[in-house]
All heavy atoms as atom14 arrays in JSON, in Angstrom:
{
  "sequence": "FIKLDPRQLIRNPVMFTTACVALLLTILLVVGHDSLATSFKAQLAV",
  "atom14_mask": [
    [1, 1, 1, 1, 1, 1, 1, 1, 1, 1, 1, 0, 0, 0],
    [1, 1, 1, 1, 1, 1, 1, 1, 0, 0, 0, 0, 0, 0],
    [1, 1, 1, 1, 1, 1, 1, 1, 1, 0, 0, 0, 0, 0],
    [1, 1, 1, 1, 1, 1, 1, 1, 0, 0, 0, 0, 0, 0],
    [1, 1, 1, 1, 1, 1, 1, 1, 0, 0, 0, 0, 0, 0],
    [1, 1, 1, 1, 1, 1, 1, 0, 0, 0, 0, 0, 0, 0],
    [1, 1, 1, 1, 1, 1, 1, 1, 1, 1, 1, 0, 0, 0],
    [1, 1, 1, 1, 1, 1, 1, 1, 1, 0, 0, 0, 0, 0],
    [1, 1, 1, 1, 1, 1, 1, 1, 0, 0, 0, 0, 0, 0],
    [1, 1, 1, 1, 1, 1, 1, 1, 0, 0, 0, 0, 0, 0],
    [1, 1, 1, 1, 1, 1, 1, 1, 1, 1, 1, 0, 0, 0],
    [1, 1, 1, 1, 1, 1, 1, 1, 0, 0, 0, 0, 0, 0],
    [1, 1, 1, 1, 1, 1, 1, 0, 0, 0, 0, 0, 0, 0],
    [1, 1, 1, 1, 1, 1, 1, 0, 0, 0, 0, 0, 0, 0],
    [1, 1, 1, 1, 1, 1, 1, 1, 0, 0, 0, 0, 0, 0],
    [1, 1, 1, 1, 1, 1, 1, 1, 1, 1, 1, 0, 0, 0],
    [1, 1, 1, 1, 1, 1, 1, 0, 0, 0, 0, 0, 0, 0],
    [1, 1, 1, 1, 1, 1, 1, 0, 0, 0, 0, 0, 0, 0],
    [1, 1, 1, 1, 1, 0, 0, 0, 0, 0, 0, 0, 0, 0],
    [1, 1, 1, 1, 1, 1, 0, 0, 0, 0, 0, 0, 0, 0],
    [1, 1, 1, 1, 1, 1, 1, 0, 0, 0, 0, 0, 0, 0],
    [1, 1, 1, 1, 1, 0, 0, 0, 0, 0, 0, 0, 0, 0],
    [1, 1, 1, 1, 1, 1, 1, 1, 0, 0, 0, 0, 0, 0],
    [1, 1, 1, 1, 1, 1, 1, 1, 0, 0, 0, 0, 0, 0],
    [1, 1, 1, 1, 1, 1, 1, 1, 0, 0, 0, 0, 0, 0],
    [1, 1, 1, 1, 1, 1, 1, 0, 0, 0, 0, 0, 0, 0],
    [1, 1, 1, 1, 1, 1, 1, 1, 0, 0, 0, 0, 0, 0],
    [1, 1, 1, 1, 1, 1, 1, 1, 0, 0, 0, 0, 0, 0],
    [1, 1, 1, 1, 1, 1, 1, 1, 0, 0, 0, 0, 0, 0],
    [1, 1, 1, 1, 1, 1, 1, 0, 0, 0, 0, 0, 0, 0],
    [1, 1, 1, 1, 1, 1, 1, 0, 0, 0, 0, 0, 0, 0],
    [1, 1, 1, 1, 0, 0, 0, 0, 0, 0, 0, 0, 0, 0],
    [1, 1, 1, 1, 1, 1, 1, 1, 1, 1, 0, 0, 0, 0],
    [1, 1, 1, 1, 1, 1, 1, 1, 0, 0, 0, 0, 0, 0],
    [1, 1, 1, 1, 1, 1, 0, 0, 0, 0, 0, 0, 0, 0],
    [1, 1, 1, 1, 1, 1, 1, 1, 0, 0, 0, 0, 0, 0],
    [1, 1, 1, 1, 1, 0, 0, 0, 0, 0, 0, 0, 0, 0],
    [1, 1, 1, 1, 1, 1, 1, 0, 0, 0, 0, 0, 0, 0],
    [1, 1, 1, 1, 1, 1, 0, 0, 0, 0, 0, 0, 0, 0],
    [1, 1, 1, 1, 1, 1, 1, 1, 1, 1, 1, 0, 0, 0],
    [1, 1, 1, 1, 1, 1, 1, 1, 1, 0, 0, 0, 0, 0],
    [1, 1, 1, 1, 1, 0, 0, 0, 0, 0, 0, 0, 0, 0],
    [1, 1, 1, 1, 1, 1, 1, 1, 1, 0, 0, 0, 0, 0],
    [1, 1, 1, 1, 1, 1, 1, 1, 0, 0, 0, 0, 0, 0],
    [1, 1, 1, 1, 1, 0, 0, 0, 0, 0, 0, 0, 0, 0],
    [1, 1, 1, 1, 1, 1, 1, 0, 0, 0, 0, 0, 0, 0]
  ],
  "atom14_positions": [
    [[-8.18, 36.1, -64.12], [-7.96, 35.57, -62.77], [-6.82, 36.32, -62.07], [-6.88, 36.58, -60.87], [-7.66, 34.07, -62.82], [-8.88, 33.22, -63.04], [-9.25, 32.83, -64.33], [-9.67, 32.83, -61.98], [-10.38, 32.05, -64.53], [-10.81, 32.05, -62.18], [-11.17, 31.66, -63.45], [0.0, 0.0, 0.0], [0.0, 0.0, 0.0], [0.0, 0.0, 0.0]],
    [[-5.78, 36.66, -62.84], [-4.66, 37.41, -62.26], [-5.13, 38.76, -61.74], [-4.69, 39.24, -60.68], [-3.54, 37.59, -63.3], [-2.94, 36.23, -63.67], [-2.46, 38.55, -62.79], [-1.93, 36.29, -64.8], [0.0, 0.0, 0.0], [0.0, 0.0, 0.0], [0.0, 0.0, 0.0], [0.0, 0.0, 0.0], [0.0, 0.0, 0.0], [0.0, 0.0, 0.0]],
    [[-6.08, 39.38, -62.45], [-6.59, 40.69, -62.06], [-7.49, 40.64, -60.83], [-7.94, 41.68, -60.34], [-7.33, 41.33, -63.24], [-6.42, 41.78, -64.35], [-7.22, 42.38, -65.52], [-6.28, 42.83, -66.63], [-5.46, 43.97, -66.21], [0.0, 0.0, 0.0], [0.0, 0.0, 0.0], [0.0, 0.0, 0.0], [0.0, 0.0, 0.0], [0.0, 0.0, 0.0]],
    [[-7.76, 39.45, -60.3], [-8.5, 39.35, -59.04], [-7.64, 39.74, -57.85], [-8.14, 39.87, -56.73], [-9.01, 37.91, -58.84], [-10.12, 37.45, -59.79], [-10.5, 36.01, -59.5], [-11.34, 38.35, -59.71], [0.0, 0.0, 0.0], [0.0, 0.0, 0.0], [0.0, 0.0, 0.0], [0.0, 0.0, 0.0], [0.0, 0.0, 0.0], [0.0, 0.0, 0.0]],
    [[-6.36, 39.92, -58.08], [-5.46, 40.41, -57.04], [-6.03, 41.72, -56.48], [-6.26, 42.67, -57.23], [-4.07, 40.66, -57.65], [-3.04, 41.12, -56.63], [-3.44, 41.62, -55.56], [-1.84, 40.98, -56.9], [0.0, 0.0, 0.0], [0.0, 0.0, 0.0], [0.0, 0.0, 0.0], [0.0, 0.0, 0.0], [0.0, 0.0, 0.0], [0.0, 0.0, 0.0]],
    [[-6.29, 41.77, -55.16], [-6.9, 42.98, -54.58], [-6.14, 44.26, -54.91], [-6.73, 45.33, -55.02], [-6.88, 42.7, -53.08], [-6.88, 41.2, -52.98], [-6.08, 40.72, -54.16], [0.0, 0.0, 0.0], [0.0, 0.0, 0.0], [0.0, 0.0, 0.0], [0.0, 0.0, 0.0], [0.0, 0.0, 0.0], [0.0, 0.0, 0.0], [0.0, 0.0, 0.0]],
    [[-4.81, 44.17, -55.08], [-4.02, 45.36, -55.4], [-4.36, 45.91, -56.78], [-4.22, 47.11, -57.03], [-2.53, 45.02, -55.32], [-2.03, 44.74, -53.91], [-0.64, 44.18, -53.92], [-0.57, 42.89, -54.61], [0.53, 42.15, -54.74], [1.67, 42.59, -54.24], [0.5, 40.99, -55.38], [0.0, 0.0, 0.0], [0.0, 0.0, 0.0], [0.0, 0.0, 0.0]],
    [[-4.81, 45.03, -57.68], [-5.26, 45.49, -58.99], [-6.74, 45.84, -58.96], [-7.17, 46.82, -59.57], [-5.0, 44.41, -60.05], [-3.54, 44.1, -60.29], [-3.33, 43.26, -61.53], [-3.91, 43.52, -62.59], [-2.5, 42.23, -61.41], [0.0, 0.0, 0.0], [0.0, 0.0, 0.0], [0.0, 0.0, 0.0], [0.0, 0.0, 0.0], [0.0, 0.0, 0.0]],
    [[-7.51, 45.04, -58.24], [-8.96, 45.2, -58.24], [-9.4, 46.5, -57.56], [-10.42, 47.09, -57.93], [-9.6, 44.0, -57.55], [-11.02, 43.61, -57.96], [-11.09, 43.36, -59.46], [-11.47, 42.37, -57.22], [0.0, 0.0, 0.0], [0.0, 0.0, 0.0], [0.0, 0.0, 0.0], [0.0, 0.0, 0.0], [0.0, 0.0, 0.0], [0.0, 0.0, 0.0]],
    [[-8.62, 46.98, -56.59], [-8.98, 48.18, -55.85], [-9.03, 49.41, -56.76], [-9.68, 50.42, -56.44], [-8.0, 48.42, -54.67], [-8.52, 49.5, -53.71], [-6.62, 48.81, -55.2], [-9.77, 49.11, -52.99], [0.0, 0.0, 0.0], [0.0, 0.0, 0.0], [0.0, 0.0, 0.0], [0.0, 0.0, 0.0], [0.0, 0.0, 0.0], [0.0, 0.0, 0.0]],
    [[-8.37, 49.34, -57.92], [-8.4, 50.46, -58.86], [-9.79, 50.64, -59.47], [-10.09, 51.68, -60.04], [-7.36, 50.25, -59.97], [-5.92, 50.33, -59.47], [-4.91, 50.12, -60.56], [-4.98, 48.77, -61.14], [-4.19, 48.31, -62.08], [-3.25, 49.07, -62.58], [-4.32, 47.08, -62.54], [0.0, 0.0, 0.0], [0.0, 0.0, 0.0], [0.0, 0.0, 0.0]],
    [[-10.63, 49.62, -59.36], [-12.02, 49.71, -59.81], [-12.9, 49.48, -58.58], [-13.27, 48.34, -58.27], [-12.3, 48.64, -60.87], [-13.66, 48.83, -61.55], [-14.59, 49.35, -60.94], [-13.76, 48.4, -62.78], [0.0, 0.0, 0.0], [0.0, 0.0, 0.0], [0.0, 0.0, 0.0], [0.0, 0.0, 0.0], [0.0, 0.0, 0.0], [0.0, 0.0, 0.0]],
    [[-13.24, 50.55, -57.84], [-13.91, 50.4, -56.54], [-15.21, 49.62, -56.6], [-15.54, 48.88, -55.66], [-14.14, 51.85, -56.1], [-13.09, 52.64, -56.81], [-12.92, 51.96, -58.13], [0.0, 0.0, 0.0], [0.0, 0.0, 0.0], [0.0, 0.0, 0.0], [0.0, 0.0, 0.0], [0.0, 0.0, 0.0], [0.0, 0.0, 0.0], [0.0, 0.0, 0.0]],
    [[-15.99, 49.78, -57.67], [-17.28, 49.08, -57.75], [-17.06, 47.57, -57.86], [-17.71, 46.78, -57.18], [-18.09, 49.59, -58.95], [-19.4, 48.82, -59.08], [-18.38, 51.08, -58.8], [0.0, 0.0, 0.0], [0.0, 0.0, 0.0], [0.0, 0.0, 0.0], [0.0, 0.0, 0.0], [0.0, 0.0, 0.0], [0.0, 0.0, 0.0], [0.0, 0.0, 0.0]],
    [[-16.12, 47.16, -58.72], [-15.84, 45.73, -58.86], [-15.16, 45.19, -57.61], [-15.36, 44.03, -57.23], [-14.97, 45.48, -60.09], [-15.63, 45.88, -61.41], [-17.33, 45.27, -61.61], [-17.07, 43.5, -61.67], [0.0, 0.0, 0.0], [0.0, 0.0, 0.0], [0.0, 0.0, 0.0], [0.0, 0.0, 0.0], [0.0, 0.0, 0.0], [0.0, 0.0, 0.0]],
    [[-14.38, 46.03, -56.94], [-13.77, 45.62, -55.68], [-14.86, 45.34, -54.63], [-14.81, 44.35, -53.89], [-12.82, 46.7, -55.17], [-12.13, 46.37, -53.88], [-11.08, 45.46, -53.85], [-12.54, 46.96, -52.69], [-10.45, 45.15, -52.64], [-11.91, 46.65, -51.49], [-10.86, 45.74, -51.48], [0.0, 0.0, 0.0], [0.0, 0.0, 0.0], [0.0, 0.0, 0.0]],
    [[-15.88, 46.2, -54.6], [-17.01, 46.0, -53.7], [-17.74, 44.7, -54.03], [-18.12, 43.93, -53.14], [-17.98, 47.19, -53.79], [-17.3, 48.39, -53.46], [-19.17, 47.0, -52.86], [0.0, 0.0, 0.0], [0.0, 0.0, 0.0], [0.0, 0.0, 0.0], [0.0, 0.0, 0.0], [0.0, 0.0, 0.0], [0.0, 0.0, 0.0], [0.0, 0.0, 0.0]],
    [[-17.93, 44.46, -55.32], [-18.6, 43.22, -55.75], [-17.8, 42.0, -55.32], [-18.37, 40.99, -54.86], [-18.77, 43.22, -57.28], [-19.45, 44.4, -57.69], [-19.57, 42.0, -57.74], [0.0, 0.0, 0.0], [0.0, 0.0, 0.0], [0.0, 0.0, 0.0], [0.0, 0.0, 0.0], [0.0, 0.0, 0.0], [0.0, 0.0, 0.0], [0.0, 0.0, 0.0]],
    [[-16.47, 42.07, -55.45], [-15.62, 40.96, -55.03], [-15.72, 40.74, -53.52], [-15.75, 39.59, -53.04], [-14.17, 41.21, -55.44], [0.0, 0.0, 0.0], [0.0, 0.0, 0.0], [0.0, 0.0, 0.0], [0.0, 0.0, 0.0], [0.0, 0.0, 0.0], [0.0, 0.0, 0.0], [0.0, 0.0, 0.0], [0.0, 0.0, 0.0], [0.0, 0.0, 0.0]],
    [[-15.76, 41.83, -52.76], [-15.89, 41.71, -51.3], [-17.21, 41.04, -50.92], [-17.27, 40.19, -50.01], [-15.79, 43.09, -50.64], [-14.13, 43.81, -50.73], [0.0, 0.0, 0.0], [0.0, 0.0, 0.0], [0.0, 0.0, 0.0], [0.0, 0.0, 0.0], [0.0, 0.0, 0.0], [0.0, 0.0, 0.0], [0.0, 0.0, 0.0], [0.0, 0.0, 0.0]],
    [[-18.29, 41.43, -51.6], [-19.6, 40.82, -51.34], [-19.58, 39.34, -51.72], [-20.14, 38.49, -51.01], [-20.7, 41.58, -52.09], [-22.04, 40.85, -51.97], [-20.82, 43.0, -51.56], [0.0, 0.0, 0.0], [0.0, 0.0, 0.0], [0.0, 0.0, 0.0], [0.0, 0.0, 0.0], [0.0, 0.0, 0.0], [0.0, 0.0, 0.0], [0.0, 0.0, 0.0]],
    [[-18.94, 39.03, -52.86], [-18.84, 37.63, -53.28], [-18.07, 36.81, -52.25], [-18.44, 35.66, -51.94], [-18.17, 37.54, -54.64], [0.0, 0.0, 0.0], [0.0, 0.0, 0.0], [0.0, 0.0, 0.0], [0.0, 0.0, 0.0], [0.0, 0.0, 0.0], [0.0, 0.0, 0.0], [0.0, 0.0, 0.0], [0.0, 0.0, 0.0], [0.0, 0.0, 0.0]],
    [[-17.0, 37.39, -51.7], [-16.22, 36.71, -50.67], [-17.07, 36.5, -49.41], [-17.02, 35.43, -48.78], [-14.97, 37.52, -50.35], [-14.04, 36.95, -49.28], [-13.51, 35.58, -49.7], [-12.89, 37.91, -49.0], [0.0, 0.0, 0.0], [0.0, 0.0, 0.0], [0.0, 0.0, 0.0], [0.0, 0.0, 0.0], [0.0, 0.0, 0.0], [0.0, 0.0, 0.0]],
    [[-17.87, 37.53, -49.05], [-18.74, 37.42, -47.88], [-19.75, 36.29, -48.06], [-19.97, 35.48, -47.13], [-19.46, 38.75, -47.65], [-20.53, 38.75, -46.54], [-19.89, 38.46, -45.18], [-21.27, 40.09, -46.51], [0.0, 0.0, 0.0], [0.0, 0.0, 0.0], [0.0, 0.0, 0.0], [0.0, 0.0, 0.0], [0.0, 0.0, 0.0], [0.0, 0.0, 0.0]],
    [[-20.36, 36.2, -49.24], [-21.34, 35.14, -49.5], [-20.68, 33.77, -49.48], [-21.29, 32.78, -49.04], [-22.04, 35.37, -50.84], [-23.43, 36.04, -50.73], [-23.29, 37.41, -50.09], [-24.08, 36.13, -52.11], [0.0, 0.0, 0.0], [0.0, 0.0, 0.0], [0.0, 0.0, 0.0], [0.0, 0.0, 0.0], [0.0, 0.0, 0.0], [0.0, 0.0, 0.0]],
    [[-19.44, 33.71, -49.94], [-18.71, 32.44, -49.91], [-18.48, 32.0, -48.47], [-18.63, 30.82, -48.14], [-17.37, 32.59, -50.65], [-17.61, 33.04, -51.98], [-16.64, 31.25, -50.71], [0.0, 0.0, 0.0], [0.0, 0.0, 0.0], [0.0, 0.0, 0.0], [0.0, 0.0, 0.0], [0.0, 0.0, 0.0], [0.0, 0.0, 0.0], [0.0, 0.0, 0.0]],
    [[-18.11, 32.94, -47.61], [-17.89, 32.63, -46.19], [-19.21, 32.21, -45.53], [-19.27, 31.22, -44.78], [-17.28, 33.84, -45.46], [-15.88, 34.12, -46.01], [-17.23, 33.6, -43.95], [-15.26, 35.41, -45.5], [0.0, 0.0, 0.0], [0.0, 0.0, 0.0], [0.0, 0.0, 0.0], [0.0, 0.0, 0.0], [0.0, 0.0, 0.0], [0.0, 0.0, 0.0]],
    [[-20.29, 32.95, -45.82], [-21.6, 32.62, -45.23], [-22.11, 31.27, -45.71], [-22.87, 30.59, -45.0], [-22.62, 33.71, -45.58], [-22.39, 35.08, -44.93], [-23.41, 36.09, -45.41], [-22.47, 34.95, -43.4], [0.0, 0.0, 0.0], [0.0, 0.0, 0.0], [0.0, 0.0, 0.0], [0.0, 0.0, 0.0], [0.0, 0.0, 0.0], [0.0, 0.0, 0.0]],
    [[-21.69, 30.88, -46.92], [-22.08, 29.58, -47.44], [-21.54, 28.46, -46.56], [-22.17, 27.41, -46.39], [-21.56, 29.43, -48.88], [-21.87, 28.11, -49.6], [-23.37, 27.93, -49.77], [-21.17, 28.08, -50.96], [0.0, 0.0, 0.0], [0.0, 0.0, 0.0], [0.0, 0.0, 0.0], [0.0, 0.0, 0.0], [0.0, 0.0, 0.0], [0.0, 0.0, 0.0]],
    [[-20.37, 28.71, -45.98], [-19.72, 27.7, -45.14], [-20.18, 27.79, -43.68], [-20.47, 26.77, -43.03], [-18.19, 27.83, -45.22], [-17.5, 26.81, -44.32], [-17.72, 27.67, -46.66], [0.0, 0.0, 0.0], [0.0, 0.0, 0.0], [0.0, 0.0, 0.0], [0.0, 0.0, 0.0], [0.0, 0.0, 0.0], [0.0, 0.0, 0.0], [0.0, 0.0, 0.0]],
    [[-20.25, 29.01, -43.16], [-20.5, 29.16, -41.72], [-21.87, 29.75, -41.39], [-22.25, 29.8, -40.22], [-19.4, 30.04, -41.08], [-18.04, 29.44, -41.31], [-19.46, 31.47, -41.62], [0.0, 0.0, 0.0], [0.0, 0.0, 0.0], [0.0, 0.0, 0.0], [0.0, 0.0, 0.0], [0.0, 0.0, 0.0], [0.0, 0.0, 0.0], [0.0, 0.0, 0.0]],
    [[-22.6, 30.24, -42.38], [-23.86, 30.92, -42.11], [-24.97, 29.96, -41.74], [-24.98, 28.79, -42.13], [0.0, 0.0, 0.0], [0.0, 0.0, 0.0], [0.0, 0.0, 0.0], [0.0, 0.0, 0.0], [0.0, 0.0, 0.0], [0.0, 0.0, 0.0], [0.0, 0.0, 0.0], [0.0, 0.0, 0.0], [0.0, 0.0, 0.0], [0.0, 0.0, 0.0]],
    [[-25.94, 30.48, -40.97], [-27.1, 29.68, -40.57], [-28.34, 30.53, -40.8], [-28.59, 31.5, -40.08], [-27.01, 29.27, -39.1], [-25.8, 28.44, -38.79], [-25.71, 27.11, -39.13], [-24.62, 28.75, -38.2], [-24.54, 26.63, -38.75], [-23.85, 27.62, -38.19], [0.0, 0.0, 0.0], [0.0, 0.0, 0.0], [0.0, 0.0, 0.0], [0.0, 0.0, 0.0]],
    [[-29.09, 30.22, -41.82], [-30.36, 30.91, -42.08], [-31.3, 29.93, -42.76], [-30.97, 28.76, -42.97], [-30.14, 32.17, -42.92], [-29.34, 31.9, -44.19], [-29.59, 30.88, -44.83], [-28.45, 32.73, -44.51], [0.0, 0.0, 0.0], [0.0, 0.0, 0.0], [0.0, 0.0, 0.0], [0.0, 0.0, 0.0], [0.0, 0.0, 0.0], [0.0, 0.0, 0.0]],
    [[-32.46, 30.45, -43.14], [-33.5, 29.58, -43.71], [-33.32, 29.32, -45.21], [-34.07, 28.54, -45.8], [-34.88, 30.2, -43.47], [-34.95, 31.49, -44.08], [0.0, 0.0, 0.0], [0.0, 0.0, 0.0], [0.0, 0.0, 0.0], [0.0, 0.0, 0.0], [0.0, 0.0, 0.0], [0.0, 0.0, 0.0], [0.0, 0.0, 0.0], [0.0, 0.0, 0.0]],
    [[-32.34, 29.97, -45.83], [-32.17, 29.83, -47.27], [-31.46, 28.53, -47.6], [-30.59, 28.06, -46.88], [-31.35, 31.01, -47.82], [-31.98, 32.4, -47.64], [-31.02, 33.47, -48.12], [-33.3, 32.49, -48.41], [0.0, 0.0, 0.0], [0.0, 0.0, 0.0], [0.0, 0.0, 0.0], [0.0, 0.0, 0.0], [0.0, 0.0, 0.0], [0.0, 0.0, 0.0]],
    [[-31.86, 27.94, -48.73], [-31.26, 26.67, -49.17], [-29.79, 26.88, -49.52], [-29.41, 27.91, -50.08], [-32.01, 26.12, -50.38], [0.0, 0.0, 0.0], [0.0, 0.0, 0.0], [0.0, 0.0, 0.0], [0.0, 0.0, 0.0], [0.0, 0.0, 0.0], [0.0, 0.0, 0.0], [0.0, 0.0, 0.0], [0.0, 0.0, 0.0], [0.0, 0.0, 0.0]],
    [[-28.98, 25.88, -49.2], [-27.55, 25.97, -49.48], [-27.29, 26.11, -50.97], [-26.41, 26.87, -51.39], [-26.83, 24.72, -48.94], [-27.06, 24.63, -47.53], [-25.34, 24.79, -49.21], [0.0, 0.0, 0.0], [0.0, 0.0, 0.0], [0.0, 0.0, 0.0], [0.0, 0.0, 0.0], [0.0, 0.0, 0.0], [0.0, 0.0, 0.0], [0.0, 0.0, 0.0]],
    [[-28.06, 25.39, -51.79], [-27.86, 25.46, -53.24], [-28.14, 26.87, -53.76], [-27.46, 27.37, -54.66], [-28.77, 24.46, -53.95], [-30.14, 24.75, -53.7], [0.0, 0.0, 0.0], [0.0, 0.0, 0.0], [0.0, 0.0, 0.0], [0.0, 0.0, 0.0], [0.0, 0.0, 0.0], [0.0, 0.0, 0.0], [0.0, 0.0, 0.0], [0.0, 0.0, 0.0]],
    [[-29.14, 27.53, -53.19], [-29.47, 28.89, -53.59], [-28.33, 29.84, -53.25], [-27.88, 30.64, -54.08], [-30.75, 29.33, -52.89], [-31.12, 30.77, -53.12], [-31.57, 31.21, -54.36], [-31.01, 31.7, -52.09], [-31.9, 32.54, -54.57], [-31.34, 33.02, -52.3], [-31.78, 33.45, -53.53], [0.0, 0.0, 0.0], [0.0, 0.0, 0.0], [0.0, 0.0, 0.0]],
    [[-27.8, 29.73, -52.04], [-26.69, 30.59, -51.62], [-25.44, 30.31, -52.45], [-24.69, 31.23, -52.79], [-26.42, 30.4, -50.13], [-27.54, 30.9, -49.23], [-27.14, 30.9, -47.77], [-27.03, 29.49, -47.24], [-26.78, 29.47, -45.78], [0.0, 0.0, 0.0], [0.0, 0.0, 0.0], [0.0, 0.0, 0.0], [0.0, 0.0, 0.0], [0.0, 0.0, 0.0]],
    [[-25.22, 29.04, -52.78], [-24.05, 28.67, -53.58], [-24.14, 29.29, -54.97], [-23.14, 29.8, -55.52], [-23.92, 27.16, -53.67], [0.0, 0.0, 0.0], [0.0, 0.0, 0.0], [0.0, 0.0, 0.0], [0.0, 0.0, 0.0], [0.0, 0.0, 0.0], [0.0, 0.0, 0.0], [0.0, 0.0, 0.0], [0.0, 0.0, 0.0], [0.0, 0.0, 0.0]],
    [[-25.33, 29.25, -55.56], [-25.5, 29.83, -56.89], [-25.28, 31.34, -56.87], [-24.65, 31.9, -57.78], [-26.9, 29.51, -57.43], [-27.11, 28.06, -57.79], [-28.53, 27.81, -58.3], [-28.83, 28.12, -59.44], [-29.38, 27.27, -57.43], [0.0, 0.0, 0.0], [0.0, 0.0, 0.0], [0.0, 0.0, 0.0], [0.0, 0.0, 0.0], [0.0, 0.0, 0.0]],
    [[-25.78, 32.0, -55.83], [-25.56, 33.44, -55.73], [-24.07, 33.75, -55.64], [-23.56, 34.67, -56.32], [-26.28, 34.0, -54.5], [-27.79, 34.17, -54.59], [-28.33, 34.74, -53.29], [-28.19, 35.08, -55.75], [0.0, 0.0, 0.0], [0.0, 0.0, 0.0], [0.0, 0.0, 0.0], [0.0, 0.0, 0.0], [0.0, 0.0, 0.0], [0.0, 0.0, 0.0]],
    [[-23.33, 33.0, -54.81], [-21.9, 33.24, -54.66], [-21.17, 33.02, -55.99], [-20.3, 33.81, -56.38], [-21.33, 32.32, -53.58], [0.0, 0.0, 0.0], [0.0, 0.0, 0.0], [0.0, 0.0, 0.0], [0.0, 0.0, 0.0], [0.0, 0.0, 0.0], [0.0, 0.0, 0.0], [0.0, 0.0, 0.0], [0.0, 0.0, 0.0], [0.0, 0.0, 0.0]],
    [[-21.53, 31.94, -56.7], [-20.88, 31.64, -57.98], [-21.13, 32.75, -58.98], [-20.21, 33.22, -59.67], [-21.39, 30.29, -58.54], [-20.96, 30.13, -59.99], [-20.86, 29.15, -57.69], [0.0, 0.0, 0.0], [0.0, 0.0, 0.0], [0.0, 0.0, 0.0], [0.0, 0.0, 0.0], [0.0, 0.0, 0.0], [0.0, 0.0, 0.0], [0.0, 0.0, 0.0]]
  ]
}
């Protein structure tokens, strides 16, 4: 969990990209509006 610090995570660009996408899905889970079920989007983010 400590290594989730962006200053550490940026040293691994691929995992940093994955973390950014996970953060995006987390935001879309709260504010997004589409036809996908909320439970489905929540599982993807998790």
